[in-house]
Amino acid sequence: MNSLEDQLKNLFPDHEPKEVPETIDEPTVWLQDEPLLCKYEKRKGKPITIIEGYTGADLDFKTLAKELKQFLGVGGSFKNEQIIIQGDYRDKIMQFLKDKGFKVKRVGG
């Protein structure tokens, strides 16, 4: 019985296999014209930080939300095109986003 590789060579004799890279490079900067808005609110008596104003793909914004939560070591969520982080971390979040290449604007207090 032929291996899958042998069967593929029989089907596609002219094909030269390419080397597959070990890792896929993370995108470094998302395209963003307007600055992200970083707001502070209290909901049910608890402080939260809201990041909104992203114009790119939702998947990229969800990835950014995950990175932020891991960076800060706190909980949060992504909904209605907003990242909601538990706690008041505006300064750390703004610095993190600037390091990523985003323009950030602080809204309120």
PDB file of N, CA and C in Angstrom:
ATOM      1  N   MET A   1       0.842  -1.187   0.000  1.00  0.00           N
ATOM      2  CA  MET A   1       0.000   0.000   0.000  1.00  0.00           C
ATOM      3  C   MET A   1       0.885   1.247   0.000  1.00  0.00           C
ATOM      4  N   ASN A   2       0.598   2.155  -0.899  1.00  0.00           N
ATOM      5  CA  ASN A   2       1.384   3.369  -1.023  1.00  0.00           C
ATOM      6  C   ASN A   2       1.039   4.360   0.078  1.00  0.00           C
ATOM      7  N   SER A   3       2.045   5.118   0.468  1.00  0.00           N
ATOM      8  CA  SER A   3       1.791   6.162   1.459  1.00  0.00           C
ATOM      9  C   SER A   3       1.079   7.322   0.775  1.00  0.00           C
ATOM     10  N   LEU A   4       0.534   8.205   1.554  1.00  0.00           N
ATOM     11  CA  LEU A   4      -0.165   9.366   1.020  1.00  0.00           C
ATOM     12  C   LEU A   4       0.768  10.225   0.173  1.00  0.00           C
ATOM     13  N   GLU A   5       2.007  10.349   0.620  1.00  0.00           N
ATOM     14  CA  GLU A   5       2.992  11.141  -0.131  1.00  0.00           C
ATOM     15  C   GLU A   5       3.229  10.540  -1.516  1.00  0.00           C
ATOM     16  N   ASP A   6       3.345   9.210  -1.584  1.00  0.00           N
ATOM     17  CA  ASP A   6       3.550   8.541  -2.875  1.00  0.00           C
ATOM     18  C   ASP A   6       2.336   8.715  -3.782  1.00  0.00           C
ATOM     19  N   GLN A   7       1.147   8.617  -3.211  1.00  0.00           N
ATOM     20  CA  GLN A   7      -0.078   8.783  -4.000  1.00  0.00           C
ATOM     21  C   GLN A   7      -0.148  10.202  -4.578  1.00  0.00           C
ATOM     22  N   LEU A   8       0.222  11.186  -3.766  1.00  0.00           N
ATOM     23  CA  LEU A   8       0.197  12.566  -4.233  1.00  0.00           C
ATOM     24  C   LEU A   8       1.223  12.785  -5.348  1.00  0.00           C
ATOM     25  N   LYS A   9       2.393  12.134  -5.233  1.00  0.00           N
ATOM     26  CA  LYS A   9       3.409  12.260  -6.290  1.00  0.00           C
ATOM     27  C   LYS A   9       2.899  11.661  -7.594  1.00  0.00           C
ATOM     28  N   ASN A  10       2.142  10.558  -7.510  1.00  0.00           N
ATOM     29  CA  ASN A  10       1.580   9.944  -8.711  1.00  0.00           C
ATOM     30  C   ASN A  10       0.532  10.858  -9.350  1.00  0.00           C
ATOM     31  N   LEU A  11      -0.264  11.520  -8.509  1.00  0.00           N
ATOM     32  CA  LEU A  11      -1.308  12.404  -9.026  1.00  0.00           C
ATOM     33  C   LEU A  11      -0.733  13.696  -9.600  1.00  0.00           C
ATOM     34  N   PHE A  12       0.293  14.232  -8.931  1.00  0.00           N
ATOM     35  CA  PHE A  12       0.882  15.514  -9.328  1.00  0.00           C
ATOM     36  C   PHE A  12       2.387  15.356  -9.505  1.00  0.00           C
ATOM     37  N   PRO A  13       2.822  14.770 -10.624  1.00  0.00           N
ATOM     38  CA  PRO A  13       4.263  14.476 -10.783  1.00  0.00           C
ATOM     39  C   PRO A  13       5.138  15.726 -10.871  1.00  0.00           C
ATOM     40  N   ASP A  14       4.587  16.862 -11.338  1.00  0.00           N
ATOM     41  CA  ASP A  14       5.404  18.065 -11.507  1.00  0.00           C
ATOM     42  C   ASP A  14       5.485  18.930 -10.261  1.00  0.00           C
ATOM     43  N   HIS A  15       4.734  18.580  -9.254  1.00  0.00           N
ATOM     44  CA  HIS A  15       4.660  19.429  -8.053  1.00  0.00           C
ATOM     45  C   HIS A  15       5.936  19.332  -7.218  1.00  0.00           C
ATOM     46  N   GLU A  16       6.458  20.497  -6.844  1.00  0.00           N
ATOM     47  CA  GLU A  16       7.614  20.558  -5.948  1.00  0.00           C
ATOM     48  C   GLU A  16       7.113  21.012  -4.576  1.00  0.00           C
ATOM     49  N   PRO A  17       7.222  20.181  -3.551  1.00  0.00           N
ATOM     50  CA  PRO A  17       6.726  20.600  -2.225  1.00  0.00           C
ATOM     51  C   PRO A  17       7.536  21.765  -1.666  1.00  0.00           C
ATOM     52  N   LYS A  18       6.829  22.705  -1.035  1.00  0.00           N
ATOM     53  CA  LYS A  18       7.480  23.865  -0.432  1.00  0.00           C
ATOM     54  C   LYS A  18       7.731  23.598   1.043  1.00  0.00           C
ATOM     55  N   GLU A  19       8.753  24.272   1.546  1.00  0.00           N
ATOM     56  CA  GLU A  19       9.013  24.189   2.978  1.00  0.00           C
ATOM     57  C   GLU A  19       7.955  24.991   3.731  1.00  0.00           C
ATOM     58  N   VAL A  20       7.376  24.412   4.751  1.00  0.00           N
ATOM     59  CA  VAL A  20       6.368  25.098   5.548  1.00  0.00           C
ATOM     60  C   VAL A  20       7.064  25.750   6.739  1.00  0.00           C
ATOM     61  N   PRO A  21       6.869  27.067   6.949  1.00  0.00           N
ATOM     62  CA  PRO A  21       7.526  27.703   8.092  1.00  0.00           C
ATOM     63  C   PRO A  21       6.999  27.146   9.410  1.00  0.00           C
ATOM     64  N   GLU A  22       7.883  27.090  10.389  1.00  0.00           N
ATOM     65  CA  GLU A  22       7.510  26.551  11.699  1.00  0.00           C
ATOM     66  C   GLU A  22       6.492  27.433  12.407  1.00  0.00           C
ATOM     67  N   THR A  23       6.720  28.746  12.362  1.00  0.00           N
ATOM     68  CA  THR A  23       5.823  29.663  13.058  1.00  0.00           C
ATOM     69  C   THR A  23       5.264  30.675  12.072  1.00  0.00           C
ATOM     70  N   ILE A  24       4.092  31.147  12.390  1.00  0.00           N
ATOM     71  CA  ILE A  24       3.467  32.186  11.586  1.00  0.00           C
ATOM     72  C   ILE A  24       3.658  33.495  12.335  1.00  0.00           C
ATOM     73  N   ASP A  25       4.181  34.497  11.639  1.00  0.00           N
ATOM     74  CA  ASP A  25       4.427  35.781  12.283  1.00  0.00           C
ATOM     75  C   ASP A  25       3.116  36.450  12.647  1.00  0.00           C
ATOM     76  N   GLU A  26       3.060  36.987  13.866  1.00  0.00           N
ATOM     77  CA  GLU A  26       1.886  37.726  14.310  1.00  0.00           C
ATOM     78  C   GLU A  26       1.852  39.070  13.593  1.00  0.00           C
ATOM     79  N   PRO A  27       0.671  39.545  13.249  1.00  0.00           N
ATOM     80  CA  PRO A  27       0.626  40.895  12.680  1.00  0.00           C
ATOM     81  C   PRO A  27       1.063  41.898  13.738  1.00  0.00           C
ATOM     82  N   THR A  28       1.897  42.850  13.336  1.00  0.00           N
ATOM     83  CA  THR A  28       2.430  43.779  14.323  1.00  0.00           C
ATOM     84  C   THR A  28       1.532  44.983  14.522  1.00  0.00           C
ATOM     85  N   VAL A  29       0.932  45.487  13.439  1.00  0.00           N
ATOM     86  CA  VAL A  29       0.100  46.679  13.564  1.00  0.00           C
ATOM     87  C   VAL A  29      -1.163  46.498  12.728  1.00  0.00           C
ATOM     88  N   TRP A  30      -2.291  46.773  13.330  1.00  0.00           N
ATOM     89  CA  TRP A  30      -3.544  46.777  12.580  1.00  0.00           C
ATOM     90  C   TRP A  30      -3.692  48.151  11.948  1.00  0.00           C
ATOM     91  N   LEU A  31      -4.312  48.207  10.782  1.00  0.00           N
ATOM     92  CA  LEU A  31      -4.532  49.481  10.119  1.00  0.00           C
ATOM     93  C   LEU A  31      -5.647  50.223  10.850  1.00  0.00           C
ATOM     94  N   GLN A  32      -5.347  51.425  11.296  1.00  0.00           N
ATOM     95  CA  GLN A  32      -6.298  52.182  12.096  1.00  0.00           C
ATOM     96  C   GLN A  32      -6.075  53.659  11.840  1.00  0.00           C
ATOM     97  N   ASP A  33      -7.097  54.349  11.324  1.00  0.00           N
ATOM     98  CA  ASP A  33      -6.983  55.782  11.061  1.00  0.00           C
ATOM     99  C   ASP A  33      -7.314  56.601  12.300  1.00  0.00           C
ATOM    100  N   GLU A  34      -8.459  56.330  12.886  1.00  0.00           N
ATOM    101  CA  GLU A  34      -8.908  57.069  14.071  1.00  0.00           C
ATOM    102  C   GLU A  34      -8.282  56.465  15.317  1.00  0.00           C
ATOM    103  N   PRO A  35      -8.057  57.271  16.368  1.00  0.00           N
ATOM    104  CA  PRO A  35      -7.525  56.706  17.607  1.00  0.00           C
ATOM    105  C   PRO A  35      -8.560  55.834  18.318  1.00  0.00           C
ATOM    106  N   LEU A  36      -8.082  54.840  19.046  1.00  0.00           N
ATOM    107  CA  LEU A  36      -8.964  54.044  19.893  1.00  0.00           C
ATOM    108  C   LEU A  36      -9.365  54.898  21.088  1.00  0.00           C
ATOM    109  N   LEU A  37     -10.588  54.721  21.560  1.00  0.00           N
ATOM    110  CA  LEU A  37     -11.060  55.474  22.715  1.00  0.00           C
ATOM    111  C   LEU A  37     -10.967  54.596  23.956  1.00  0.00           C
ATOM    112  N   CYS A  38     -10.372  55.136  24.999  1.00  0.00           N
ATOM    113  CA  CYS A  38     -10.198  54.404  26.248  1.00  0.00           C
ATOM    114  C   CYS A  38     -11.008  55.120  27.320  1.00  0.00           C
ATOM    115  N   LYS A  39     -12.105  54.495  27.776  1.00  0.00           N
ATOM    116  CA  LYS A  39     -13.016  55.133  28.727  1.00  0.00           C
ATOM    117  C   LYS A  39     -13.057  54.367  30.042  1.00  0.00           C
ATOM    118  N   TYR A  40     -13.424  55.090  31.085  1.00  0.00           N
ATOM    119  CA  TYR A  40     -13.600  54.509  32.418  1.00  0.00           C
ATOM    120  C   TYR A  40     -15.064  54.654  32.805  1.00  0.00           C
ATOM    121  N   GLU A  41     -15.668  53.581  33.288  1.00  0.00           N
ATOM    122  CA  GLU A  41     -17.050  53.620  33.770  1.00  0.00           C
ATOM    123  C   GLU A  41     -17.161  52.780  35.017  1.00  0.00           C
ATOM    124  N   LYS A  42     -18.254  52.979  35.727  1.00  0.00           N
ATOM    125  CA  LYS A  42     -18.591  52.095  36.836  1.00  0.00           C
ATOM    126  C   LYS A  42     -19.909  51.436  36.498  1.00  0.00           C
ATOM    127  N   ARG A  43     -19.925  50.129  36.531  1.00  0.00           N
ATOM    128  CA  ARG A  43     -21.151  49.375  36.301  1.00  0.00           C
ATOM    129  C   ARG A  43     -21.397  48.496  37.513  1.00  0.00           C
ATOM    130  N   LYS A  44     -22.582  48.627  38.066  1.00  0.00           N
ATOM    131  CA  LYS A  44     -22.951  47.881  39.278  1.00  0.00           C
ATOM    132  C   LYS A  44     -21.929  48.128  40.382  1.00  0.00           C
ATOM    133  N   GLY A  45     -21.422  49.365  40.439  1.00  0.00           N
ATOM    134  CA  GLY A  45     -20.490  49.746  41.493  1.00  0.00           C
ATOM    135  C   GLY A  45     -19.054  49.301  41.282  1.00  0.00           C
ATOM    136  N   LYS A  46     -18.785  48.628  40.180  1.00  0.00           N
ATOM    137  CA  LYS A  46     -17.427  48.131  39.936  1.00  0.00           C
ATOM    138  C   LYS A  46     -16.803  48.888  38.768  1.00  0.00           C
ATOM    139  N   PRO A  47     -15.502  49.214  38.878  1.00  0.00           N
ATOM    140  CA  PRO A  47     -14.841  49.960  37.797  1.00  0.00           C
ATOM    141  C   PRO A  47     -14.540  49.060  36.602  1.00  0.00           C
ATOM    142  N   ILE A  48     -14.741  49.612  35.405  1.00  0.00           N
ATOM    143  CA  ILE A  48     -14.355  48.907  34.183  1.00  0.00           C
ATOM    144  C   ILE A  48     -13.705  49.898  33.228  1.00  0.00           C
ATOM    145  N   THR A  49     -12.863  49.387  32.356  1.00  0.00           N
ATOM    146  CA  THR A  49     -12.238  50.185  31.311  1.00  0.00           C
ATOM    147  C   THR A  49     -12.776  49.677  29.980  1.00  0.00           C
ATOM    148  N   ILE A  50     -13.204  50.605  29.130  1.00  0.00           N
ATOM    149  CA  ILE A  50     -13.778  50.241  27.838  1.00  0.00           C
ATOM    150  C   ILE A  50     -12.885  50.778  26.720  1.00  0.00           C
ATOM    151  N   ILE A  51     -12.548  49.915  25.758  1.00  0.00           N
ATOM    152  CA  ILE A  51     -11.788  50.334  24.590  1.00  0.00           C
ATOM    153  C   ILE A  51     -12.714  50.164  23.388  1.00  0.00           C
ATOM    154  N   GLU A  52     -12.892  51.221  22.611  1.00  0.00           N
ATOM    155  CA  GLU A  52     -13.758  51.141  21.444  1.00  0.00           C
ATOM    156  C   GLU A  52     -13.207  52.021  20.334  1.00  0.00           C
ATOM    157  N   GLY A  53     -13.836  51.937  19.165  1.00  0.00           N
ATOM    158  CA  GLY A  53     -13.417  52.761  18.041  1.00  0.00           C
ATOM    159  C   GLY A  53     -12.527  52.037  17.053  1.00  0.00           C
ATOM    160  N   TYR A  54     -12.458  50.703  17.143  1.00  0.00           N
ATOM    161  CA  TYR A  54     -11.616  49.938  16.224  1.00  0.00           C
ATOM    162  C   TYR A  54     -12.355  49.733  14.909  1.00  0.00           C
ATOM    163  N   THR A  55     -11.668  49.933  13.786  1.00  0.00           N
ATOM    164  CA  THR A  55     -12.324  49.829  12.482  1.00  0.00           C
ATOM    165  C   THR A  55     -11.915  48.584  11.696  1.00  0.00           C
ATOM    166  N   GLY A  56     -11.030  47.761  12.231  1.00  0.00           N
ATOM    167  CA  GLY A  56     -10.562  46.577  11.501  1.00  0.00           C
ATOM    168  C   GLY A  56     -11.463  45.375  11.711  1.00  0.00           C
ATOM    169  N   ALA A  57     -10.928  44.196  11.452  1.00  0.00           N
ATOM    170  CA  ALA A  57     -11.688  42.954  11.563  1.00  0.00           C
ATOM    171  C   ALA A  57     -11.975  42.622  13.029  1.00  0.00           C
ATOM    172  N   ASP A  58     -13.156  42.062  13.273  1.00  0.00           N
ATOM    173  CA  ASP A  58     -13.536  41.675  14.635  1.00  0.00           C
ATOM    174  C   ASP A  58     -12.563  40.664  15.216  1.00  0.00           C
ATOM    175  N   LEU A  59     -12.086  39.751  14.386  1.00  0.00           N
ATOM    176  CA  LEU A  59     -11.171  38.721  14.878  1.00  0.00           C
ATOM    177  C   LEU A  59      -9.890  39.345  15.432  1.00  0.00           C
ATOM    178  N   ASP A  60      -9.370  40.383  14.753  1.00  0.00           N
ATOM    179  CA  ASP A  60      -8.173  41.071  15.239  1.00  0.00           C
ATOM    180  C   ASP A  60      -8.453  41.750  16.577  1.00  0.00           C
ATOM    181  N   PHE A  61      -9.637  42.357  16.686  1.00  0.00           N
ATOM    182  CA  PHE A  61      -9.993  43.063  17.916  1.00  0.00           C
ATOM    183  C   PHE A  61     -10.161  42.071  19.065  1.00  0.00           C
ATOM    184  N   LYS A  62     -10.713  40.889  18.774  1.00  0.00           N
ATOM    185  CA  LYS A  62     -10.853  39.845  19.804  1.00  0.00           C
ATOM    186  C   LYS A  62      -9.476  39.367  20.258  1.00  0.00           C
ATOM    187  N   THR A  63      -8.562  39.229  19.301  1.00  0.00           N
ATOM    188  CA  THR A  63      -7.191  38.821  19.638  1.00  0.00           C
ATOM    189  C   THR A  63      -6.545  39.863  20.537  1.00  0.00           C
ATOM    190  N   LEU A  64      -6.759  41.134  20.211  1.00  0.00           N
ATOM    191  CA  LEU A  64      -6.225  42.220  21.027  1.00  0.00           C
ATOM    192  C   LEU A  64      -6.820  42.171  22.432  1.00  0.00           C
ATOM    193  N   ALA A  65      -8.112  41.888  22.539  1.00  0.00           N
ATOM    194  CA  ALA A  65      -8.766  41.783  23.850  1.00  0.00           C
ATOM    195  C   ALA A  65      -8.118  40.672  24.675  1.00  0.00           C
ATOM    196  N   LYS A  66      -7.850  39.550  24.040  1.00  0.00           N
ATOM    197  CA  LYS A  66      -7.218  38.422  24.735  1.00  0.00           C
ATOM    198  C   LYS A  66      -5.824  38.804  25.220  1.00  0.00           C
ATOM    199  N   GLU A  67      -5.049  39.472  24.347  1.00  0.00           N
ATOM    200  CA  GLU A  67      -3.695  39.885  24.730  1.00  0.00           C
ATOM    201  C   GLU A  67      -3.735  40.865  25.903  1.00  0.00           C
ATOM    202  N   LEU A  68      -4.677  41.795  25.867  1.00  0.00           N
ATOM    203  CA  LEU A  68      -4.803  42.772  26.957  1.00  0.00           C
ATOM    204  C   LEU A  68      -5.128  42.088  28.274  1.00  0.00           C
ATOM    205  N   LYS A  69      -6.075  41.154  28.241  1.00  0.00           N
ATOM    206  CA  LYS A  69      -6.467  40.461  29.471  1.00  0.00           C
ATOM    207  C   LYS A  69      -5.298  39.666  30.038  1.00  0.00           C
ATOM    208  N   GLN A  70      -4.534  39.017  29.151  1.00  0.00           N
ATOM    209  CA  GLN A  70      -3.371  38.252  29.611  1.00  0.00           C
ATOM    210  C   GLN A  70      -2.294  39.178  30.161  1.00  0.00           C
ATOM    211  N   PHE A  71      -2.070  40.303  29.480  1.00  0.00           N
ATOM    212  CA  PHE A  71      -1.060  41.276  29.904  1.00  0.00           C
ATOM    213  C   PHE A  71      -1.377  41.817  31.291  1.00  0.00           C
ATOM    214  N   LEU A  72      -2.653  42.139  31.544  1.00  0.00           N
ATOM    215  CA  LEU A  72      -3.054  42.723  32.816  1.00  0.00           C
ATOM    216  C   LEU A  72      -3.362  41.668  33.872  1.00  0.00           C
ATOM    217  N   GLY A  73      -3.633  40.442  33.451  1.00  0.00           N
ATOM    218  CA  GLY A  73      -3.986  39.388  34.395  1.00  0.00           C
ATOM    219  C   GLY A  73      -5.360  39.606  35.005  1.00  0.00           C
ATOM    220  N   VAL A  74      -6.286  40.139  34.208  1.00  0.00           N
ATOM    221  CA  VAL A  74      -7.640  40.399  34.705  1.00  0.00           C
ATOM    222  C   VAL A  74      -8.660  39.832  33.734  1.00  0.00           C
ATOM    223  N   GLY A  75      -9.909  39.836  34.154  1.00  0.00           N
ATOM    224  CA  GLY A  75     -10.993  39.362  33.301  1.00  0.00           C
ATOM    225  C   GLY A  75     -11.507  40.474  32.421  1.00  0.00           C
ATOM    226  N   GLY A  76     -12.346  40.093  31.506  1.00  0.00           N
ATOM    227  CA  GLY A  76     -12.947  41.065  30.615  1.00  0.00           C
ATOM    228  C   GLY A  76     -13.731  40.353  29.541  1.00  0.00           C
ATOM    229  N   SER A  77     -14.265  41.126  28.608  1.00  0.00           N
ATOM    230  CA  SER A  77     -15.049  40.523  27.543  1.00  0.00           C
ATOM    231  C   SER A  77     -14.958  41.382  26.292  1.00  0.00           C
ATOM    232  N   PHE A  78     -15.498  40.820  25.214  1.00  0.00           N
ATOM    233  CA  PHE A  78     -15.579  41.532  23.948  1.00  0.00           C
ATOM    234  C   PHE A  78     -17.012  41.424  23.466  1.00  0.00           C
ATOM    235  N   LYS A  79     -17.685  42.563  23.362  1.00  0.00           N
ATOM    236  CA  LYS A  79     -19.033  42.550  22.795  1.00  0.00           C
ATOM    237  C   LYS A  79     -19.392  43.927  22.285  1.00  0.00           C
ATOM    238  N   ASN A  80     -20.298  43.955  21.302  1.00  0.00           N
ATOM    239  CA  ASN A  80     -20.744  45.202  20.680  1.00  0.00           C
ATOM    240  C   ASN A  80     -19.568  46.054  20.201  1.00  0.00           C
ATOM    241  N   GLU A  81     -18.560  45.407  19.634  1.00  0.00           N
ATOM    242  CA  GLU A  81     -17.362  46.085  19.124  1.00  0.00           C
ATOM    243  C   GLU A  81     -16.666  46.914  20.194  1.00  0.00           C
ATOM    244  N   GLN A  82     -16.694  46.420  21.418  1.00  0.00           N
ATOM    245  CA  GLN A  82     -15.989  47.050  22.541  1.00  0.00           C
ATOM    246  C   GLN A  82     -15.219  45.979  23.289  1.00  0.00           C
ATOM    247  N   ILE A  83     -14.050  46.370  23.809  1.00  0.00           N
ATOM    248  CA  ILE A  83     -13.328  45.513  24.743  1.00  0.00           C
ATOM    249  C   ILE A  83     -13.630  46.067  26.123  1.00  0.00           C
ATOM    250  N   ILE A  84     -14.125  45.208  27.011  1.00  0.00           N
ATOM    251  CA  ILE A  84     -14.439  45.627  28.375  1.00  0.00           C
ATOM    252  C   ILE A  84     -13.478  44.899  29.310  1.00  0.00           C
ATOM    253  N   ILE A  85     -12.673  45.671  30.036  1.00  0.00           N
ATOM    254  CA  ILE A  85     -11.678  45.126  30.964  1.00  0.00           C
ATOM    255  C   ILE A  85     -12.132  45.445  32.379  1.00  0.00           C
ATOM    256  N   GLN A  86     -12.084  44.456  33.265  1.00  0.00           N
ATOM    257  CA  GLN A  86     -12.481  44.677  34.653  1.00  0.00           C
ATOM    258  C   GLN A  86     -11.394  45.451  35.374  1.00  0.00           C
ATOM    259  N   GLY A  87     -11.780  46.589  35.968  1.00  0.00           N
ATOM    260  CA  GLY A  87     -10.830  47.409  36.718  1.00  0.00           C
ATOM    261  C   GLY A  87     -10.428  48.649  35.936  1.00  0.00           C
ATOM    262  N   ASP A  88      -9.798  49.597  36.638  1.00  0.00           N
ATOM    263  CA  ASP A  88      -9.351  50.841  36.015  1.00  0.00           C
ATOM    264  C   ASP A  88      -7.875  50.705  35.651  1.00  0.00           C
ATOM    265  N   TYR A  89      -7.612  50.340  34.404  1.00  0.00           N
ATOM    266  CA  TYR A  89      -6.246  50.133  33.920  1.00  0.00           C
ATOM    267  C   TYR A  89      -5.948  51.039  32.731  1.00  0.00           C
ATOM    268  N   ARG A  90      -6.566  52.231  32.703  1.00  0.00           N
ATOM    269  CA  ARG A  90      -6.430  53.097  31.532  1.00  0.00           C
ATOM    270  C   ARG A  90      -4.979  53.373  31.169  1.00  0.00           C
ATOM    271  N   ASP A  91      -4.158  53.736  32.146  1.00  0.00           N
ATOM    272  CA  ASP A  91      -2.772  54.103  31.841  1.00  0.00           C
ATOM    273  C   ASP A  91      -1.989  52.921  31.266  1.00  0.00           C
ATOM    274  N   LYS A  92      -2.125  51.741  31.888  1.00  0.00           N
ATOM    275  CA  LYS A  92      -1.409  50.564  31.396  1.00  0.00           C
ATOM    276  C   LYS A  92      -1.908  50.149  30.021  1.00  0.00           C
ATOM    277  N   ILE A  93      -3.229  50.213  29.830  1.00  0.00           N
ATOM    278  CA  ILE A  93      -3.807  49.832  28.540  1.00  0.00           C
ATOM    279  C   ILE A  93      -3.347  50.792  27.456  1.00  0.00           C
ATOM    280  N   MET A  94      -3.368  52.089  27.749  1.00  0.00           N
ATOM    281  CA  MET A  94      -2.962  53.074  26.751  1.00  0.00           C
ATOM    282  C   MET A  94      -1.495  52.879  26.361  1.00  0.00           C
ATOM    283  N   GLN A  95      -0.639  52.594  27.329  1.00  0.00           N
ATOM    284  CA  GLN A  95       0.776  52.360  27.028  1.00  0.00           C
ATOM    285  C   GLN A  95       0.950  51.091  26.188  1.00  0.00           C
ATOM    286  N   PHE A  96       0.215  50.034  26.549  1.00  0.00           N
ATOM    287  CA  PHE A  96       0.262  48.764  25.820  1.00  0.00           C
ATOM    288  C   PHE A  96      -0.146  48.976  24.361  1.00  0.00           C
ATOM    289  N   LEU A  97      -1.236  49.728  24.148  1.00  0.00           N
ATOM    290  CA  LEU A  97      -1.727  49.974  22.791  1.00  0.00           C
ATOM    291  C   LEU A  97      -0.763  50.852  21.994  1.00  0.00           C
ATOM    292  N   LYS A  98      -0.153  51.839  22.663  1.00  0.00           N
ATOM    293  CA  LYS A  98       0.829  52.693  21.978  1.00  0.00           C
ATOM    294  C   LYS A  98       2.039  51.865  21.546  1.00  0.00           C
ATOM    295  N   ASP A  99       2.471  50.945  22.415  1.00  0.00           N
ATOM    296  CA  ASP A  99       3.601  50.084  22.073  1.00  0.00           C
ATOM    297  C   ASP A  99       3.273  49.201  20.870  1.00  0.00           C
ATOM    298  N   LYS A 100       2.000  48.858  20.696  1.00  0.00           N
ATOM    299  CA  LYS A 100       1.559  48.044  19.564  1.00  0.00           C
ATOM    300  C   LYS A 100       1.443  48.869  18.280  1.00  0.00           C
ATOM    301  N   GLY A 101       1.478  50.198  18.409  1.00  0.00           N
ATOM    302  CA  GLY A 101       1.400  51.047  17.231  1.00  0.00           C
ATOM    303  C   GLY A 101       0.059  51.737  17.041  1.00  0.00           C
ATOM    304  N   PHE A 102      -0.816  51.653  18.042  1.00  0.00           N
ATOM    305  CA  PHE A 102      -2.115  52.305  17.958  1.00  0.00           C
ATOM    306  C   PHE A 102      -2.031  53.749  18.421  1.00  0.00           C
ATOM    307  N   LYS A 103      -2.934  54.563  17.902  1.00  0.00           N
ATOM    308  CA  LYS A 103      -3.147  55.886  18.461  1.00  0.00           C
ATOM    309  C   LYS A 103      -4.277  55.737  19.470  1.00  0.00           C
ATOM    310  N   VAL A 104      -4.111  56.322  20.659  1.00  0.00           N
ATOM    311  CA  VAL A 104      -5.096  56.142  21.722  1.00  0.00           C
ATOM    312  C   VAL A 104      -5.520  57.499  22.245  1.00  0.00           C
ATOM    313  N   LYS A 105      -6.811  57.626  22.525  1.00  0.00           N
ATOM    314  CA  LYS A 105      -7.334  58.866  23.076  1.00  0.00           C
ATOM    315  C   LYS A 105      -8.084  58.543  24.364  1.00  0.00           C
ATOM    316  N   ARG A 106      -7.755  59.273  25.423  1.00  0.00           N
ATOM    317  CA  ARG A 106      -8.399  59.057  26.708  1.00  0.00           C
ATOM    318  C   ARG A 106      -9.692  59.867  26.750  1.00  0.00           C
ATOM    319  N   VAL A 107     -10.789  59.219  27.140  1.00  0.00           N
ATOM    320  CA  VAL A 107     -12.081  59.877  27.203  1.00  0.00           C
ATOM    321  C   VAL A 107     -12.533  59.912  28.648  1.00  0.00           C
ATOM    322  N   GLY A 108     -12.908  61.097  29.139  1.00  0.00           N
ATOM    323  CA  GLY A 108     -13.394  61.215  30.518  1.00  0.00           C
ATOM    324  C   GLY A 108     -12.256  61.231  31.509  1.00  0.00           C
ATOM    325  N   GLY A 109     -12.570  61.619  32.737  1.00  0.00           N
ATOM    326  CA  GLY A 109     -11.677  61.710  33.885  1.00  0.00           C
ATOM    327  C   GLY A 109     -10.250  61.572  33.735  1.00  0.00           C
TER     328      GLY A 109
END
